[in-house]
C-alpha cells in the first residue's frame, strides 16, 4: 500500500493538454492504456497502442457517449480492495481486471455556461461517468491513483505511485467533483430556476494565495477566488510592482475599487480609502486635479491609504501620489512614465484592472456569524428618482452635489454623512453609533482640511449633505445647517419626517428624498 506499480491506466479527458506526453511516458513504463472516444483517438494518432473501453467492458459506447464507463468492469476494477479475498474472488469470477490509475478531467460545464450556450447544450455538458470514476478511484486511493489536473501528470509519468501522492491526489479529486457539482447546482438554482436564495447554497472557491496574516498578525488568512466568470476585482488585477497584498490591502482595495466603479463612466475621478472607508473622493477635468481635490478632503487619513482611479495613471498624477506614503494604487492602466516613477517606490503596490467592474452587476454578499452565514444581494441600486420635499427645490449645482454625495455615502460605513461641493467631498463622517455625531465629525474634518489648505472657509459652506439613512430627529440636519450645507439628500421614511422637513424649510434648505437606504455595516 506504499509504492504501487501502474499496470493498467484508464485515460478519459476533456482537456487534452499533455495527455499524449503522459501516454507516451506510461507506455514506456509498460502500462496498458485504456481510453475512450476522443482521448483514444489522440493517443492513437500519436502512435500509441490503446485499448478501447468497449473492449474492456464488452459493451459499446452508446447514447452519444452518455454510457461508456458506467460498468462493473470499470468500477469493479477501481473499487476492489486488492488484498481482500472476497473482492479478489469476485474479480476472478466476473473477469474484472484491476485499474491502477485513472486520468480524468470533466466535461467543460462552466466554460459552456460562460459562453452563453443554450439550455440543451448546458445539460449535455454535465459529466456523469467522469465524476463517478473520479469518486470510485479516490475512495480506493489505497490502491488506485486518480489524477484530475494536468499539472499533476509528472507524479504518475514514471509508472508507479506512492501512498502519500495517492492521498493528495484523492483529496484534490474530491474537491474537483465538489466544485463541479457546486457549479451545476448553482446554475440550476440561479439561472434555470431563477431562485434568489436556494434551499442549499453550494459554494466552491479556489485558493488564490495565502497571506502573511489576517487583520492582525496573530490571525492566519488566505484569498480565495470565486469560480467561473467574475468581475475584474482586486484578485484578478495585474500587480505590476510592490510587496504582496495583505489581508487589509485586499479588503481596503476592494472598497476603493467598488466605489471608483460607480464613476467608471464619469469625468476623471479619484477615490482615497482608509480602513475600508472613503476619506476623499473627487471628480475633475483631469485625473491629477481629481487626486488633488480628493487628497485635500483629508490629508491625514490619506497617509497609508488606498487610491483608486477611473482613468489610466499618468505621470503627473503618479508624481503627486508619490509625495506621501501610499499602500496601494488601483487604475485601469498606466503609462510608461508613470510606471517609471512608481518603480522608484519598491513597496508601493500598483494594480491594473483593465475595465472597471459594472457597479450594477448582480451577485450575493456573504458574512459569517456564529453558527452560520448571512447572505444578501449586492447593493447595486442605481441613482433613484428624487422627490423634492421642501419649499425650495435644489439648484442644478446643488442637485449634482446631492447625487455625488449620495453615491459616496453608499460606500461609507453607517452611520454615514457626506458633505460634497463642486464634485469633491468636503467632509465624511463614518461608522458612528448615531447620525448626529457623524454629521459633526464630517463638519469638523472639513474645518480641519480648510485650515491645512489655507482656505478662507471649509468646503461645507454651500455644500450638499447626504445621509445613508433617514434623519430620525432634526438634530442631525441642524448640525449640517450649522456646517453650512444648503441642500440635503436622504432616504426619508422616518416617523418624524414632517419635523425634519419643517426644520429644513425654516433653514432655507432644499431637500430631496430618495426612498432608498444604503446601510453598510
Protein backbone atom coordinates (compact mmCIF):
# COMPACT_ATOMS: atom_id res chain seq x y z
CA UNK A 1 0.00 0.00 0.00
CA UNK A 2 3.00 2.34 -0.18
CA UNK A 3 4.53 2.42 -3.67
CA UNK A 4 2.37 0.62 -6.23
CA UNK A 5 3.26 -0.02 -9.88
CA UNK A 6 0.79 1.09 -12.51
CA UNK A 7 -0.10 -1.83 -14.76
CA UNK A 8 -3.32 -0.52 -16.29
CA UNK A 9 -4.40 3.10 -16.73
CA UNK A 10 -7.76 4.46 -17.82
CA UNK A 11 -7.44 7.81 -19.60
CA UNK A 12 -10.55 9.84 -20.46
CA UNK A 13 -10.08 13.59 -20.64
CA UNK A 14 -11.98 16.55 -21.99
CA UNK A 15 -8.90 18.80 -21.84
CA UNK A 16 -6.25 17.01 -23.93
CA UNK A 17 -3.38 19.20 -22.68
CA UNK A 18 -0.35 16.98 -22.04
CA UNK A 19 -2.24 13.72 -22.48
CA UNK A 20 -0.11 12.45 -25.37
CA UNK A 21 3.15 13.07 -23.50
CA UNK A 22 1.69 11.30 -20.47
CA UNK A 23 0.53 8.38 -22.59
CA UNK A 24 4.00 8.03 -24.09
CA UNK A 25 5.63 8.05 -20.65
CA UNK A 26 3.21 5.45 -19.29
CA UNK A 27 3.59 3.22 -22.34
CA UNK A 28 7.36 3.38 -21.98
CA UNK A 29 6.94 2.17 -18.39
CA UNK A 30 4.92 -0.83 -19.65
CA UNK A 31 1.49 0.46 -18.65
CA UNK A 32 -1.55 -0.80 -20.57
CA UNK A 33 -3.57 2.18 -21.80
CA UNK A 34 -7.36 2.02 -21.84
CA UNK A 35 -9.24 5.00 -23.19
CA UNK A 36 -12.46 6.43 -24.59
CA UNK A 37 -13.59 8.41 -27.63
CA UNK A 38 -11.54 11.48 -28.43
CA UNK A 39 -8.83 10.64 -25.92
CA UNK A 40 -8.25 7.25 -27.53
CA UNK A 41 -8.03 8.90 -30.96
CA UNK A 42 -5.48 11.45 -29.76
CA UNK A 43 -3.31 8.70 -28.30
CA UNK A 44 -3.57 6.51 -31.40
CA UNK A 45 -2.76 9.44 -33.65
CA UNK A 46 0.48 9.71 -31.67
CA UNK A 47 1.27 6.06 -32.46
CA UNK A 48 0.33 4.59 -29.09
CA UNK A 49 -1.40 1.25 -28.56
CA UNK A 50 -4.73 1.89 -26.85
CA UNK A 51 -7.44 -0.49 -25.71
CA UNK A 52 -10.97 0.82 -26.19
CA UNK A 53 -13.20 0.99 -23.11
CA UNK A 54 -15.80 -1.02 -25.06
CA UNK A 55 -13.28 -3.84 -25.44
CA UNK A 56 -12.71 -3.81 -21.67
CA UNK A 57 -16.40 -3.80 -20.76
CA UNK A 58 -17.78 -5.91 -23.60
CA UNK A 59 -20.34 -3.18 -24.32
CA UNK A 60 -20.15 -0.48 -26.99
CA UNK A 61 -20.20 3.22 -26.17
CA UNK A 62 -23.84 4.19 -26.63
CA UNK A 63 -26.35 7.00 -26.44
CA UNK A 64 -23.99 9.55 -27.97
CA UNK A 65 -21.28 8.63 -25.47
CA UNK A 66 -23.52 9.12 -22.42
CA UNK A 67 -22.94 5.48 -21.44
CA UNK A 68 -19.42 4.13 -21.75
CA UNK A 69 -17.65 3.88 -18.37
CA UNK A 70 -20.67 3.20 -16.13
CA UNK A 71 -19.96 -0.54 -15.95
CA UNK A 72 -18.98 -3.12 -13.29
CA UNK A 73 -15.79 -3.96 -15.15
CA UNK A 74 -14.72 -0.33 -14.78
CA UNK A 75 -15.94 0.39 -11.27
CA UNK A 76 -15.12 -3.11 -10.01
CA UNK A 77 -11.59 -2.60 -11.30
CA UNK A 78 -11.42 0.69 -9.44
CA UNK A 79 -13.17 -0.14 -6.17
CA UNK A 80 -11.85 -3.64 -5.45
CA UNK A 81 -9.75 -3.92 -2.30
CA UNK A 82 -6.79 -5.77 -3.68
CA UNK A 83 -5.88 -7.76 -0.57
CA UNK A 84 -9.46 -8.66 0.35
CA UNK A 85 -10.03 -12.33 -0.52
CA UNK A 86 -13.73 -11.87 -1.24
CA UNK A 87 -13.06 -8.92 -3.53
CA UNK A 88 -10.34 -10.89 -5.33
CA UNK A 89 -12.73 -13.80 -5.80
CA UNK A 90 -15.40 -11.52 -7.28
CA UNK A 91 -12.87 -10.05 -9.69
CA UNK A 92 -11.85 -13.52 -10.83
CA UNK A 93 -15.44 -14.77 -11.12
CA UNK A 94 -16.55 -11.82 -13.25
CA UNK A 95 -13.31 -11.36 -15.18
CA UNK A 96 -12.66 -7.90 -13.77
CA UNK A 97 -9.15 -6.59 -14.14
CA UNK A 98 -7.64 -4.08 -11.74
CA UNK A 99 -7.26 -0.46 -12.85
CA UNK A 100 -4.37 1.24 -11.07
CA UNK A 101 -4.66 4.75 -12.48
CA UNK A 102 -7.49 6.96 -13.70
CA UNK A 103 -6.77 10.21 -15.53
CA UNK A 104 -9.96 12.22 -15.95
CA UNK A 105 -10.96 15.82 -16.39
CA UNK A 106 -14.59 16.59 -16.74
CA UNK A 107 -16.85 17.99 -19.44
CA UNK A 108 -16.40 21.78 -19.59
CA UNK A 109 -19.66 22.68 -17.86
CA UNK A 110 -18.56 26.08 -16.54
CA UNK A 111 -17.00 27.09 -19.88
CA UNK A 112 -20.19 26.06 -21.67
CA UNK A 113 -22.28 28.24 -19.36
CA UNK A 114 -19.81 31.13 -19.66
CA UNK A 115 -20.08 31.23 -23.46
CA UNK A 116 -23.87 31.65 -23.21
CA UNK A 117 -24.86 28.23 -24.56
CA UNK A 118 -28.50 27.20 -24.86
CA UNK A 119 -30.03 25.05 -22.13
CA UNK A 120 -29.77 21.76 -24.04
CA UNK A 121 -26.05 22.24 -24.63
CA UNK A 122 -25.51 23.15 -20.98
CA UNK A 123 -27.30 19.98 -19.85
CA UNK A 124 -25.30 17.87 -22.30
CA UNK A 125 -22.09 19.15 -20.71
CA UNK A 126 -22.97 17.73 -17.30
CA UNK A 127 -20.48 14.89 -16.91
CA UNK A 128 -21.82 11.72 -15.28
CA UNK A 129 -19.33 8.93 -15.95
CA UNK A 130 -16.31 11.13 -15.25
CA UNK A 131 -17.26 12.13 -11.67
CA UNK A 132 -18.30 8.53 -10.97
CA UNK A 133 -14.86 7.24 -11.96
CA UNK A 134 -13.16 10.05 -10.05
CA UNK A 135 -15.03 9.23 -6.85
CA UNK A 136 -14.50 5.47 -7.19
CA UNK A 137 -10.78 5.86 -7.73
CA UNK A 138 -10.44 8.48 -5.00
CA UNK A 139 -12.30 6.34 -2.47
CA UNK A 140 -9.95 3.43 -3.19
CA UNK A 141 -6.80 5.57 -3.15
CA UNK A 142 -5.05 2.92 -1.08
CA UNK A 143 -4.62 1.08 -4.38
CA UNK A 144 -5.63 3.48 -7.16
CA UNK A 145 -4.27 6.86 -8.24
CA UNK A 146 -6.70 9.48 -9.54
CA UNK A 147 -5.47 12.50 -11.49
CA UNK A 148 -7.85 15.31 -12.41
CA UNK A 149 -5.35 18.09 -13.19
CA UNK A 150 -2.73 18.04 -15.99
CA UNK A 151 -0.39 19.83 -13.58
CA UNK A 152 -0.11 16.53 -11.67
CA UNK A 153 0.86 14.33 -14.63
CA UNK A 154 4.51 14.33 -13.55
CA UNK A 155 3.57 12.45 -10.35
CA UNK A 156 2.45 9.39 -12.33
CA UNK A 157 4.51 9.54 -15.52
CA UNK A 158 7.14 7.19 -14.05
CA UNK A 159 4.72 4.27 -13.88
CA UNK A 160 4.28 4.00 -10.10
CA UNK A 161 2.69 5.96 -7.27
CA UNK A 162 3.33 6.44 -3.58
CA UNK A 163 0.64 6.29 -0.93
CA UNK A 164 1.31 9.90 0.07
CA UNK A 165 0.83 11.03 -3.54
CA UNK A 166 -2.34 8.98 -3.89
CA UNK A 167 -3.79 10.56 -0.74
CA UNK A 168 -3.04 14.07 -2.02
CA UNK A 169 -4.49 13.25 -5.44
CA UNK A 170 -7.63 11.80 -3.87
CA UNK A 171 -8.19 14.91 -1.77
CA UNK A 172 -7.77 17.06 -4.86
CA UNK A 173 -10.13 14.82 -6.82
CA UNK A 174 -12.94 15.03 -4.28
CA UNK A 175 -12.52 18.82 -4.21
CA UNK A 176 -12.75 18.85 -8.02
CA UNK A 177 -16.03 16.90 -8.10
CA UNK A 178 -17.43 19.01 -5.25
CA UNK A 179 -16.64 22.20 -7.18
CA UNK A 180 -18.09 20.71 -10.35
CA UNK A 181 -21.34 19.76 -8.62
CA UNK A 182 -21.44 23.19 -6.99
CA UNK A 183 -21.29 24.89 -10.40
CA UNK A 184 -24.10 22.67 -11.70
CA UNK A 185 -26.26 23.23 -8.63
CA UNK A 186 -25.76 27.00 -8.81
CA UNK A 187 -26.67 27.06 -12.50
CA UNK A 188 -29.87 25.14 -11.84
CA UNK A 189 -30.77 27.34 -8.86
CA UNK A 190 -29.88 30.80 -10.12
CA UNK A 191 -30.13 30.52 -13.92
CA UNK A 192 -32.53 27.71 -14.70
CA UNK A 193 -34.91 28.07 -11.73
CA UNK A 194 -34.21 31.76 -11.03
CA UNK A 195 -34.12 31.28 -7.27
CA UNK A 196 -32.79 34.15 -5.18
CA UNK A 197 -31.90 32.01 -2.18
CA UNK A 198 -31.93 28.26 -2.87
CA UNK A 199 -32.60 25.76 -0.09
CA UNK A 200 -28.95 24.64 -0.28
CA UNK A 201 -26.26 27.06 -1.45
CA UNK A 202 -23.18 25.07 -2.52
CA UNK A 203 -20.18 27.34 -2.91
CA UNK A 204 -16.79 26.37 -4.33
CA UNK A 205 -13.76 28.64 -4.07
CA UNK A 206 -10.24 28.23 -5.43
CA UNK A 207 -7.21 29.24 -3.40
CA UNK A 208 -5.66 32.33 -4.95
CA UNK A 209 -2.88 32.90 -2.45
CA UNK A 210 -2.09 32.53 1.21
CA UNK A 211 -1.44 35.80 3.01
CA UNK A 212 1.17 36.68 5.60
CA UNK A 213 -1.54 37.14 8.22
CA UNK A 214 -5.09 38.39 8.65
CA UNK A 215 -6.36 41.68 10.02
CA UNK A 216 -3.85 41.22 12.85
CA UNK A 217 -0.54 39.32 12.97
CA UNK A 218 -1.93 36.55 15.20
CA UNK A 219 -4.59 35.68 12.58
CA UNK A 220 -3.91 33.50 9.54
CA UNK A 221 -5.51 34.35 6.20
CA UNK A 222 -5.84 33.49 2.52
CA UNK A 223 -7.51 34.85 -0.58
CA UNK A 224 -9.91 32.52 -2.40
CA UNK A 225 -11.24 33.26 -5.87
CA UNK A 226 -14.79 32.58 -6.92
CA UNK A 227 -15.07 30.09 -9.75
CA UNK A 228 -16.45 30.82 -13.19
CA UNK A 229 -16.87 34.27 -14.77
CA UNK A 230 -16.11 37.08 -12.32
CA UNK A 231 -15.90 40.85 -12.45
CA UNK A 232 -12.44 42.42 -12.70
CA UNK A 233 -11.79 42.54 -9.00
CA UNK A 234 -8.70 43.05 -6.88
CA UNK A 235 -7.88 39.35 -7.08
CA UNK A 236 -7.97 39.44 -10.88
CA UNK A 237 -5.96 42.66 -11.25
CA UNK A 238 -2.39 42.55 -12.55
CA UNK A 239 0.04 43.54 -9.81
CA UNK A 240 2.78 45.47 -11.56
CA UNK A 241 5.01 46.05 -8.55
CA UNK A 242 5.23 46.22 -4.79
CA UNK A 243 5.02 43.83 -1.86
CA UNK A 244 2.41 41.10 -1.80
CA UNK A 245 -1.04 42.26 -0.82
CA UNK A 246 -2.02 41.81 2.81
CA UNK A 247 -5.48 40.89 4.11
CA UNK A 248 -6.19 44.54 4.90
CA UNK A 249 -4.86 45.59 1.48
CA UNK A 250 -7.33 43.23 -0.20
CA UNK A 251 -10.20 44.49 1.93
CA UNK A 252 -9.43 48.19 1.52
CA UNK A 253 -8.57 47.89 -2.16
CA UNK A 254 -11.88 46.13 -2.77
CA UNK A 255 -13.71 49.01 -1.07
CA UNK A 256 -11.82 51.53 -3.22
CA UNK A 257 -12.47 49.61 -6.43
CA UNK A 258 -16.14 49.19 -5.56
CA UNK A 259 -16.56 52.95 -5.14
CA UNK A 260 -14.47 54.07 -8.13
CA UNK A 261 -16.55 51.72 -10.29
CA UNK A 262 -19.52 53.99 -9.59
CA UNK A 263 -17.62 56.63 -11.57
CA UNK A 264 -16.36 54.44 -14.41
CA UNK A 265 -18.34 56.44 -17.00
CA UNK A 266 -17.86 59.80 -15.29
CA UNK A 267 -15.26 62.54 -15.68
CA UNK A 268 -11.77 61.75 -14.29
CA UNK A 269 -12.32 60.63 -10.70
CA UNK A 270 -10.22 59.53 -7.74
CA UNK A 271 -11.12 57.70 -4.55
CA UNK A 272 -8.92 57.53 -1.46
CA UNK A 273 -9.83 54.86 1.08
CA UNK A 274 -8.59 54.18 4.59
CA UNK A 275 -9.78 51.22 6.64
CA UNK A 276 -12.48 50.42 4.04
CA UNK A 277 -13.99 53.92 4.29
CA UNK A 278 -13.52 56.65 1.69
CA UNK A 279 -11.69 59.64 3.16
CA UNK A 280 -11.64 61.66 -0.06
CA UNK A 281 -13.45 61.45 -3.41
CA UNK A 282 -13.39 63.90 -6.30
CA UNK A 283 -14.26 64.34 -9.95
CA UNK A 284 -12.45 66.93 -12.07
CA UNK A 285 -11.30 67.80 -15.59
CA UNK A 286 -8.05 65.86 -15.17
CA UNK A 287 -7.08 62.86 -13.09
CA UNK A 288 -4.29 64.91 -11.48
CA UNK A 289 -6.78 67.54 -10.30
CA UNK A 290 -9.21 64.89 -9.12
CA UNK A 291 -6.44 63.40 -6.97
CA UNK A 292 -5.52 66.82 -5.56
CA UNK A 293 -9.15 67.53 -4.65
CA UNK A 294 -9.69 64.11 -3.09
CA UNK A 295 -6.46 64.36 -1.11
CA UNK A 296 -7.35 67.82 0.20
CA UNK A 297 -10.50 66.45 1.85
CA UNK A 298 -8.47 64.59 4.49
CA UNK A 299 -4.69 64.78 4.15
CA UNK A 300 -4.16 62.98 7.44
CA UNK A 301 -6.22 59.87 6.71
CA UNK A 302 -4.85 59.64 3.18
CA UNK A 303 -1.42 58.71 4.59
CA UNK A 304 -1.02 54.95 4.13
CA UNK A 305 -4.29 54.75 2.20
CA UNK A 306 -5.56 53.10 -0.97
CA UNK A 307 -6.02 55.21 -4.10
CA UNK A 308 -8.29 54.19 -6.98
CA UNK A 309 -8.61 55.98 -10.32
CA UNK A 310 -11.16 55.66 -13.12
CA UNK A 311 -8.60 56.68 -15.75
CA UNK A 312 -5.15 55.36 -16.65
CA UNK A 313 -2.45 56.61 -14.32
CA UNK A 314 -0.37 59.37 -15.90
CA UNK A 315 2.99 60.81 -14.91
CA UNK A 316 1.66 63.99 -13.30
CA UNK A 317 -0.72 62.07 -11.05
CA UNK A 318 1.92 59.44 -10.27
CA UNK A 319 4.32 62.19 -9.22
CA UNK A 320 1.69 63.68 -6.90
CA UNK A 321 0.82 60.31 -5.37
CA UNK A 322 4.45 59.53 -4.57
CA UNK A 323 4.56 62.67 -2.45
CA UNK A 324 3.19 60.70 0.53
CA UNK A 325 3.26 57.08 1.67
CA UNK A 326 0.53 55.08 -0.07
CA UNK A 327 -0.16 51.36 0.30
CA UNK A 328 -1.92 50.53 -2.99
CA UNK A 329 -2.86 52.32 -6.20
CA UNK A 330 -5.54 50.83 -8.46
CA UNK A 331 -6.10 52.02 -12.02
CA UNK A 332 -7.36 50.66 -15.32
CA UNK A 333 -3.87 51.15 -16.80
CA UNK A 334 -0.72 53.27 -16.50
CA UNK A 335 1.59 54.97 -18.99
CA UNK A 336 5.31 54.22 -19.20
CA UNK A 337 6.40 57.40 -17.43
CA UNK A 338 4.05 56.72 -14.54
CA UNK A 339 5.37 53.17 -14.27
CA UNK A 340 8.93 54.50 -14.16
CA UNK A 341 8.06 56.95 -11.39
CA UNK A 342 6.39 54.25 -9.33
CA UNK A 343 9.31 51.87 -9.87
CA UNK A 344 11.35 54.03 -7.51
CA UNK A 345 8.83 53.19 -4.75
CA UNK A 346 9.56 49.48 -4.41
CA UNK A 347 6.97 48.81 -1.70
CA UNK A 348 4.12 50.69 -3.39
CA UNK A 349 1.69 48.18 -4.83
CA UNK A 350 0.27 49.05 -8.25
CA UNK A 351 -2.74 47.09 -9.51
CA UNK A 352 -4.02 47.43 -13.06
CA UNK A 353 -7.57 46.20 -13.58
CA UNK A 354 -8.35 46.89 -17.21
CA UNK A 355 -12.06 47.68 -17.46
CA UNK A 356 -13.61 48.62 -14.14
CA UNK A 357 -16.40 46.39 -12.76
CA UNK A 358 -20.02 47.23 -13.53
CA UNK A 359 -21.50 48.77 -10.34
CA UNK A 360 -24.97 47.49 -11.29
CA UNK A 361 -23.83 43.86 -11.61
CA UNK A 362 -25.87 41.29 -9.66
CA UNK A 363 -24.40 38.96 -7.09
CA UNK A 364 -24.50 37.80 -3.49
CA UNK A 365 -22.55 39.02 -0.49
CA UNK A 366 -21.89 36.77 2.50
CA UNK A 367 -20.75 37.36 6.06
CA UNK A 368 -20.00 34.65 8.58
CA UNK A 369 -21.61 34.81 12.00
CA UNK A 370 -21.51 32.30 14.82
CA UNK A 371 -23.34 29.22 13.61
CA UNK A 372 -23.99 30.31 10.05
CA UNK A 373 -23.76 32.88 7.29
CA UNK A 374 -25.74 35.96 6.40
CA UNK A 375 -26.27 36.25 2.65
CA UNK A 376 -27.75 39.19 0.78
CA UNK A 377 -27.84 40.58 -2.74
CA UNK A 378 -25.31 43.27 -3.64
CA UNK A 379 -26.32 46.86 -3.00
CA UNK A 380 -26.40 47.67 -6.71
CA UNK A 381 -29.24 50.18 -6.61
CA UNK A 382 -28.81 52.84 -9.26
CA UNK A 383 -29.41 56.55 -8.79
CA UNK A 384 -33.07 56.83 -7.78
CA UNK A 385 -35.72 59.28 -8.86
CA UNK A 386 -35.61 62.15 -6.39
CA UNK A 387 -38.58 63.71 -4.66
CA UNK A 388 -38.32 67.34 -3.58
CA UNK A 389 -39.94 67.63 -0.14
CA UNK A 390 -39.05 71.21 0.85
CA UNK A 391 -40.47 74.52 -0.28
CA UNK A 392 -37.26 75.28 -2.10
CA UNK A 393 -36.08 72.96 -4.86
CA UNK A 394 -32.32 72.42 -5.26
CA UNK A 395 -30.45 74.32 -7.95
CA UNK A 396 -28.79 72.36 -10.74
CA UNK A 397 -25.43 72.65 -8.95
CA UNK A 398 -26.92 71.55 -5.63
CA UNK A 399 -28.64 68.63 -7.29
CA UNK A 400 -25.35 67.48 -8.87
CA UNK A 401 -23.64 67.70 -5.48
CA UNK A 402 -26.51 65.80 -3.88
CA UNK A 403 -26.14 62.94 -6.34
CA UNK A 404 -22.35 62.92 -5.91
CA UNK A 405 -22.59 62.87 -2.11
CA UNK A 406 -25.25 60.15 -2.26
CA UNK A 407 -23.01 57.94 -4.42
CA UNK A 408 -20.15 58.28 -1.95
CA UNK A 409 -22.40 57.77 1.10
CA UNK A 410 -23.43 54.40 -0.33
CA UNK A 411 -19.85 53.23 0.29
CA UNK A 412 -19.31 54.77 3.74
CA UNK A 413 -19.84 52.65 6.86
CA UNK A 414 -23.02 53.53 8.73
CA UNK A 415 -23.97 55.85 10.20
CA UNK A 416 -22.73 57.80 7.17
CA UNK A 417 -22.76 61.53 6.48
CA UNK A 418 -21.06 63.01 3.41
CA UNK A 419 -20.72 66.70 2.54
CA UNK A 420 -19.85 67.47 -1.10
CA UNK A 421 -19.31 70.58 -3.15
CA UNK A 422 -18.31 71.04 -6.76
CA UNK A 423 -17.71 67.34 -7.36
CA UNK A 424 -15.50 66.83 -4.30
CA UNK A 425 -16.13 65.51 -0.84
CA UNK A 426 -15.86 68.24 1.77
CA UNK A 427 -16.17 66.07 4.88
CA UNK A 428 -17.01 62.45 5.63
CA UNK A 429 -18.39 61.06 8.89
CA UNK A 430 -18.37 57.25 9.11
CA UNK A 431 -19.23 54.40 11.41
CA UNK A 432 -20.65 56.33 14.34
CA UNK A 433 -23.33 55.00 16.64
CA UNK A 434 -25.59 57.97 15.90
CA UNK A 435 -26.08 60.19 12.88
CA UNK A 436 -25.63 63.45 14.78
CA UNK A 437 -22.04 62.53 15.68
CA UNK A 438 -21.31 61.56 12.07
CA UNK A 439 -22.56 64.97 10.92
CA UNK A 440 -20.41 66.75 13.50
CA UNK A 441 -17.29 64.71 12.72
CA UNK A 442 -17.66 65.32 8.98
CA UNK A 443 -18.01 69.07 9.60
CA UNK A 444 -15.00 69.09 11.92
CA UNK A 445 -12.91 67.30 9.29
CA UNK A 446 -13.94 69.90 6.72
CA UNK A 447 -12.80 72.71 9.01
CA UNK A 448 -9.51 70.93 9.63
CA UNK A 449 -8.98 70.44 5.89
CA UNK A 450 -9.61 74.16 5.26
CA UNK A 451 -7.09 75.15 7.90
CA UNK A 452 -4.44 72.84 6.46
CA UNK A 453 -5.06 74.08 2.92
CA UNK A 454 -5.24 77.75 3.92
CA UNK A 455 -8.75 78.17 2.52
CA UNK A 456 -10.90 81.06 3.66
CA UNK A 457 -13.71 78.72 4.65
CA UNK A 458 -14.43 74.98 4.74
CA UNK A 459 -15.96 73.38 1.69
CA UNK A 460 -19.08 72.53 3.68
CA UNK A 461 -20.17 76.14 3.15
CA UNK A 462 -22.67 75.92 0.30
CA UNK A 463 -22.38 72.14 0.14
CA UNK A 464 -24.87 69.31 -0.24
CA UNK A 465 -25.05 66.72 2.50
CA UNK A 466 -26.03 63.07 2.09
CA UNK A 467 -27.22 60.74 4.81
CA UNK A 468 -27.24 57.00 4.10
CA UNK A 469 -30.45 56.57 6.12
CA UNK A 470 -33.17 58.90 7.28
CA UNK A 471 -32.63 61.56 9.92
CA UNK A 472 -34.58 60.18 12.92
CA UNK A 473 -34.55 63.64 14.50
CA UNK A 474 -33.93 67.14 13.24
CA UNK A 475 -30.67 67.44 15.23
CA UNK A 476 -28.51 65.79 12.57
CA UNK A 477 -29.94 68.03 9.91
CA UNK A 478 -29.40 71.12 12.09
CA UNK A 479 -25.74 70.08 12.51
CA UNK A 480 -25.48 70.11 8.71
CA UNK A 481 -27.06 73.57 8.62
CA UNK A 482 -24.50 74.75 11.15
CA UNK A 483 -21.75 73.36 8.93
CA UNK A 484 -23.03 75.47 6.03
CA UNK A 485 -24.88 72.92 3.90
CA UNK A 486 -27.61 74.30 1.66
CA UNK A 487 -29.04 71.06 0.24
CA UNK A 488 -29.79 67.64 1.68
CA UNK A 489 -30.31 64.21 0.16
CA UNK A 490 -31.63 61.38 2.31
CA UNK A 491 -33.95 58.36 2.02
CA UNK A 492 -36.82 59.69 4.11
CA UNK A 493 -39.20 57.32 5.82
CA UNK A 494 -38.90 58.43 9.44
CA UNK A 495 -41.98 58.89 11.59
CA UNK A 496 -40.57 62.38 12.19
CA UNK A 497 -40.12 63.28 8.50
CA UNK A 498 -42.53 66.19 8.87
CA UNK A 499 -40.45 67.59 11.74
CA UNK A 500 -37.22 67.24 9.73
CA UNK A 501 -38.80 68.82 6.63
CA UNK A 502 -40.07 71.73 8.72
CA UNK A 503 -36.55 72.27 10.12
CA UNK A 504 -35.16 72.24 6.58
CA UNK A 505 -37.73 74.77 5.42
CA UNK A 506 -37.01 77.02 8.40
CA UNK A 507 -33.31 76.97 7.49
CA UNK A 508 -33.99 77.62 3.79
CA UNK A 509 -32.59 74.25 2.75
CA UNK A 510 -33.51 72.31 -0.33
CA UNK A 511 -34.08 68.65 0.49
CA UNK A 512 -34.78 65.60 -1.67
CA UNK A 513 -35.84 62.09 -0.67
CA UNK A 514 -34.52 59.03 -2.48
CA UNK A 515 -36.71 56.34 -0.95
CA UNK A 516 -33.60 54.12 -0.91
CA UNK A 517 -31.43 53.39 2.12
CA UNK A 518 -27.73 52.47 1.95
CA UNK A 519 -26.72 50.96 5.27
CA UNK A 520 -23.23 49.44 5.17
CA UNK A 521 -22.07 47.66 8.30
